[in-house]
Amino acid sequence: MRKAGGIIALVAGIFGVLAAGFTLLVGGVGSAFKADNAQMVVGLGWGGVVFSFIVIVLGAVAMGSNSRIPGMLLVVASIAGAILGGTFVAIFMLLAFVGGVLAAIPASRAAAQSA
């Protein structure tokens, strides 16, 4: 389950970076037209970039780890990314949350449920 959770987190992180880039683009256009709260949208975009990269790193670590700690950190990073990354990034952070839960499930428990 750790490999599956890591792969899901990697995919979610990559799409999260793309979503954060889109958020930055929208915030930049809003800032160019002097829209209200455009700087907040830009800040959310940068938050999405940071937490998406953290999710990518933790997903890669979770794939090769025998510990539950990377999976739990992945859950925490995905929740923080959903809060601080904006709505579009939050969609992919939900996917990263699922990957973190899968990575945090012990291997013996996963084998017992599938048998």
C-alpha atoms as a PDB file:
ATOM      1  CA  MET A   1       0.000   0.000   0.000  1.00  0.00           C
ATOM      2  CA  ARG A   2       2.921   2.343   0.578  1.00  0.00           C
ATOM      3  CA  LYS A   3       3.942   2.249  -3.086  1.00  0.00           C
ATOM      4  CA  ALA A   4       0.384   2.895  -4.237  1.00  0.00           C
ATOM      5  CA  GLY A   5       0.013   5.765  -1.768  1.00  0.00           C
ATOM      6  CA  GLY A   6       3.325   7.243  -2.889  1.00  0.00           C
ATOM      7  CA  ILE A   7       2.379   7.035  -6.556  1.00  0.00           C
ATOM      8  CA  ILE A   8      -1.004   8.635  -5.890  1.00  0.00           C
ATOM      9  CA  ALA A   9       0.711  11.407  -3.917  1.00  0.00           C
ATOM     10  CA  LEU A  10       3.232  11.994  -6.714  1.00  0.00           C
ATOM     11  CA  VAL A  11       0.454  12.349  -9.292  1.00  0.00           C
ATOM     12  CA  ALA A  12      -1.524  14.627  -6.982  1.00  0.00           C
ATOM     13  CA  GLY A  13       1.550  16.774  -6.334  1.00  0.00           C
ATOM     14  CA  ILE A  14       2.304  17.186 -10.033  1.00  0.00           C
ATOM     15  CA  PHE A  15      -1.267  18.186 -10.799  1.00  0.00           C
ATOM     16  CA  GLY A  16      -1.211  20.413  -7.708  1.00  0.00           C
ATOM     17  CA  VAL A  17       1.764  22.313  -9.111  1.00  0.00           C
ATOM     18  CA  LEU A  18      -0.136  22.826 -12.361  1.00  0.00           C
ATOM     19  CA  ALA A  19      -3.211  23.985 -10.451  1.00  0.00           C
ATOM     20  CA  ALA A  20      -1.092  26.373  -8.387  1.00  0.00           C
ATOM     21  CA  GLY A  21       0.416  27.750 -11.586  1.00  0.00           C
ATOM     22  CA  PHE A  22      -3.073  28.406 -12.881  1.00  0.00           C
ATOM     23  CA  THR A  23      -3.950  30.132  -9.596  1.00  0.00           C
ATOM     24  CA  LEU A  24      -0.841  32.294  -9.928  1.00  0.00           C
ATOM     25  CA  LEU A  25      -1.828  33.145 -13.489  1.00  0.00           C
ATOM     26  CA  VAL A  26      -5.324  34.205 -12.436  1.00  0.00           C
ATOM     27  CA  GLY A  27      -3.910  36.236  -9.547  1.00  0.00           C
ATOM     28  CA  GLY A  28      -1.397  37.922 -11.825  1.00  0.00           C
ATOM     29  CA  VAL A  29      -4.073  38.859 -14.333  1.00  0.00           C
ATOM     30  CA  GLY A  30      -6.249  40.145 -11.513  1.00  0.00           C
ATOM     31  CA  SER A  31      -3.351  42.159 -10.157  1.00  0.00           C
ATOM     32  CA  ALA A  32      -2.681  43.643 -13.594  1.00  0.00           C
ATOM     33  CA  PHE A  33      -6.273  44.841 -13.773  1.00  0.00           C
ATOM     34  CA  LYS A  34      -6.092  46.083 -10.156  1.00  0.00           C
ATOM     35  CA  ALA A  35      -8.828  43.721  -8.941  1.00  0.00           C
ATOM     36  CA  ASP A  36      -9.702  43.477  -5.276  1.00  0.00           C
ATOM     37  CA  ASN A  37      -7.917  40.710  -3.334  1.00  0.00           C
ATOM     38  CA  ALA A  38      -5.693  39.813  -6.271  1.00  0.00           C
ATOM     39  CA  GLN A  39      -2.670  39.668  -3.962  1.00  0.00           C
ATOM     40  CA  MET A  40      -4.474  37.117  -1.813  1.00  0.00           C
ATOM     41  CA  VAL A  41      -4.989  34.915  -4.879  1.00  0.00           C
ATOM     42  CA  VAL A  42      -1.281  35.213  -5.697  1.00  0.00           C
ATOM     43  CA  GLY A  43      -0.459  34.253  -2.094  1.00  0.00           C
ATOM     44  CA  LEU A  44      -2.726  31.225  -2.350  1.00  0.00           C
ATOM     45  CA  GLY A  45      -0.953  30.263  -5.571  1.00  0.00           C
ATOM     46  CA  TRP A  46       2.435  30.346  -3.876  1.00  0.00           C
ATOM     47  CA  GLY A  47       1.075  28.355  -0.958  1.00  0.00           C
ATOM     48  CA  GLY A  48      -0.159  25.772  -3.437  1.00  0.00           C
ATOM     49  CA  VAL A  49       3.255  25.593  -5.109  1.00  0.00           C
ATOM     50  CA  VAL A  50       5.046  25.060  -1.793  1.00  0.00           C
ATOM     51  CA  PHE A  51       2.711  22.385  -0.477  1.00  0.00           C
ATOM     52  CA  SER A  52       2.509  20.618  -3.839  1.00  0.00           C
ATOM     53  CA  PHE A  53       6.279  20.285  -3.881  1.00  0.00           C
ATOM     54  CA  ILE A  54       6.205  19.013  -0.294  1.00  0.00           C
ATOM     55  CA  VAL A  55       3.611  16.427  -1.346  1.00  0.00           C
ATOM     56  CA  ILE A  56       5.807  15.330  -4.268  1.00  0.00           C
ATOM     57  CA  VAL A  57       8.832  14.865  -2.008  1.00  0.00           C
ATOM     58  CA  LEU A  58       6.866  13.039   0.681  1.00  0.00           C
ATOM     59  CA  GLY A  59       5.223  10.814  -1.930  1.00  0.00           C
ATOM     60  CA  ALA A  60       8.642   9.786  -3.228  1.00  0.00           C
ATOM     61  CA  VAL A  61       9.884   9.149   0.301  1.00  0.00           C
ATOM     62  CA  ALA A  62       6.765   7.147   1.187  1.00  0.00           C
ATOM     63  CA  MET A  63       7.298   4.794  -1.762  1.00  0.00           C
ATOM     64  CA  GLY A  64      10.655   3.630  -0.458  1.00  0.00           C
ATOM     65  CA  SER A  65      10.044   3.844   3.252  1.00  0.00           C
ATOM     66  CA  ASN A  66       9.079   1.106   5.674  1.00  0.00           C
ATOM     67  CA  SER A  67       7.833   3.628   8.233  1.00  0.00           C
ATOM     68  CA  ARG A  68       4.389   5.178   8.606  1.00  0.00           C
ATOM     69  CA  ILE A  69       5.832   8.638   9.279  1.00  0.00           C
ATOM     70  CA  PRO A  70       6.038   9.818   5.626  1.00  0.00           C
ATOM     71  CA  GLY A  71       2.401   8.817   5.137  1.00  0.00           C
ATOM     72  CA  MET A  72       1.313  10.762   8.204  1.00  0.00           C
ATOM     73  CA  LEU A  73       3.358  13.782   7.134  1.00  0.00           C
ATOM     74  CA  LEU A  74       1.744  13.484   3.718  1.00  0.00           C
ATOM     75  CA  VAL A  75      -1.700  13.679   5.317  1.00  0.00           C
ATOM     76  CA  VAL A  76      -0.683  16.799   7.267  1.00  0.00           C
ATOM     77  CA  ALA A  77       0.859  18.442   4.183  1.00  0.00           C
ATOM     78  CA  SER A  78      -2.215  17.719   2.084  1.00  0.00           C
ATOM     79  CA  ILE A  79      -4.537  19.258   4.681  1.00  0.00           C
ATOM     80  CA  ALA A  80      -2.324  22.341   4.949  1.00  0.00           C
ATOM     81  CA  GLY A  81      -2.104  22.554   1.161  1.00  0.00           C
ATOM     82  CA  ALA A  82      -5.876  22.364   0.842  1.00  0.00           C
ATOM     83  CA  ILE A  83      -6.274  25.216   3.303  1.00  0.00           C
ATOM     84  CA  LEU A  84      -3.423  27.424   2.083  1.00  0.00           C
ATOM     85  CA  GLY A  85      -3.410  26.565  -1.622  1.00  0.00           C
ATOM     86  CA  GLY A  86      -6.785  27.717  -2.851  1.00  0.00           C
ATOM     87  CA  THR A  87      -9.790  25.885  -4.195  1.00  0.00           C
ATOM     88  CA  PHE A  88      -8.245  24.489  -7.369  1.00  0.00           C
ATOM     89  CA  VAL A  89      -5.224  23.111  -5.506  1.00  0.00           C
ATOM     90  CA  ALA A  90      -7.493  21.682  -2.786  1.00  0.00           C
ATOM     91  CA  ILE A  91      -9.004  19.258  -5.302  1.00  0.00           C
ATOM     92  CA  PHE A  92      -5.627  17.636  -5.839  1.00  0.00           C
ATOM     93  CA  MET A  93      -4.710  17.828  -2.173  1.00  0.00           C
ATOM     94  CA  LEU A  94      -7.735  15.622  -1.500  1.00  0.00           C
ATOM     95  CA  LEU A  95      -6.126  13.062  -3.789  1.00  0.00           C
ATOM     96  CA  ALA A  96      -2.834  13.503  -1.909  1.00  0.00           C
ATOM     97  CA  PHE A  97      -4.733  12.940   1.343  1.00  0.00           C
ATOM     98  CA  VAL A  98      -5.941   9.576   0.036  1.00  0.00           C
ATOM     99  CA  GLY A  99      -2.361   8.714  -0.949  1.00  0.00           C
ATOM    100  CA  GLY A 100      -1.147   9.653   2.516  1.00  0.00           C
ATOM    101  CA  VAL A 101      -3.752   7.479   4.181  1.00  0.00           C
ATOM    102  CA  LEU A 102      -2.765   4.558   1.958  1.00  0.00           C
ATOM    103  CA  ALA A 103       0.912   5.139   2.739  1.00  0.00           C
ATOM    104  CA  ALA A 104       0.208   5.249   6.480  1.00  0.00           C
ATOM    105  CA  ILE A 105      -1.663   1.911   6.561  1.00  0.00           C
ATOM    106  CA  PRO A 106       0.633  -0.797   7.901  1.00  0.00           C
ATOM    107  CA  ALA A 107       1.584  -3.480   5.376  1.00  0.00           C
ATOM    108  CA  SER A 108       0.435  -6.319   7.616  1.00  0.00           C
ATOM    109  CA  ARG A 109      -3.020  -4.813   7.959  1.00  0.00           C
ATOM    110  CA  ALA A 110      -3.340  -4.288   4.204  1.00  0.00           C
ATOM    111  CA  ALA A 111      -2.280  -7.890   3.519  1.00  0.00           C
ATOM    112  CA  ALA A 112      -4.771  -9.236   6.067  1.00  0.00           C
ATOM    113  CA  GLN A 113      -7.650  -7.313   4.495  1.00  0.00           C
ATOM    114  CA  SER A 114      -6.892  -8.475   0.964  1.00  0.00           C
ATOM    115  CA  ALA A 115      -6.547 -12.156   1.938  1.00  0.00           C
END
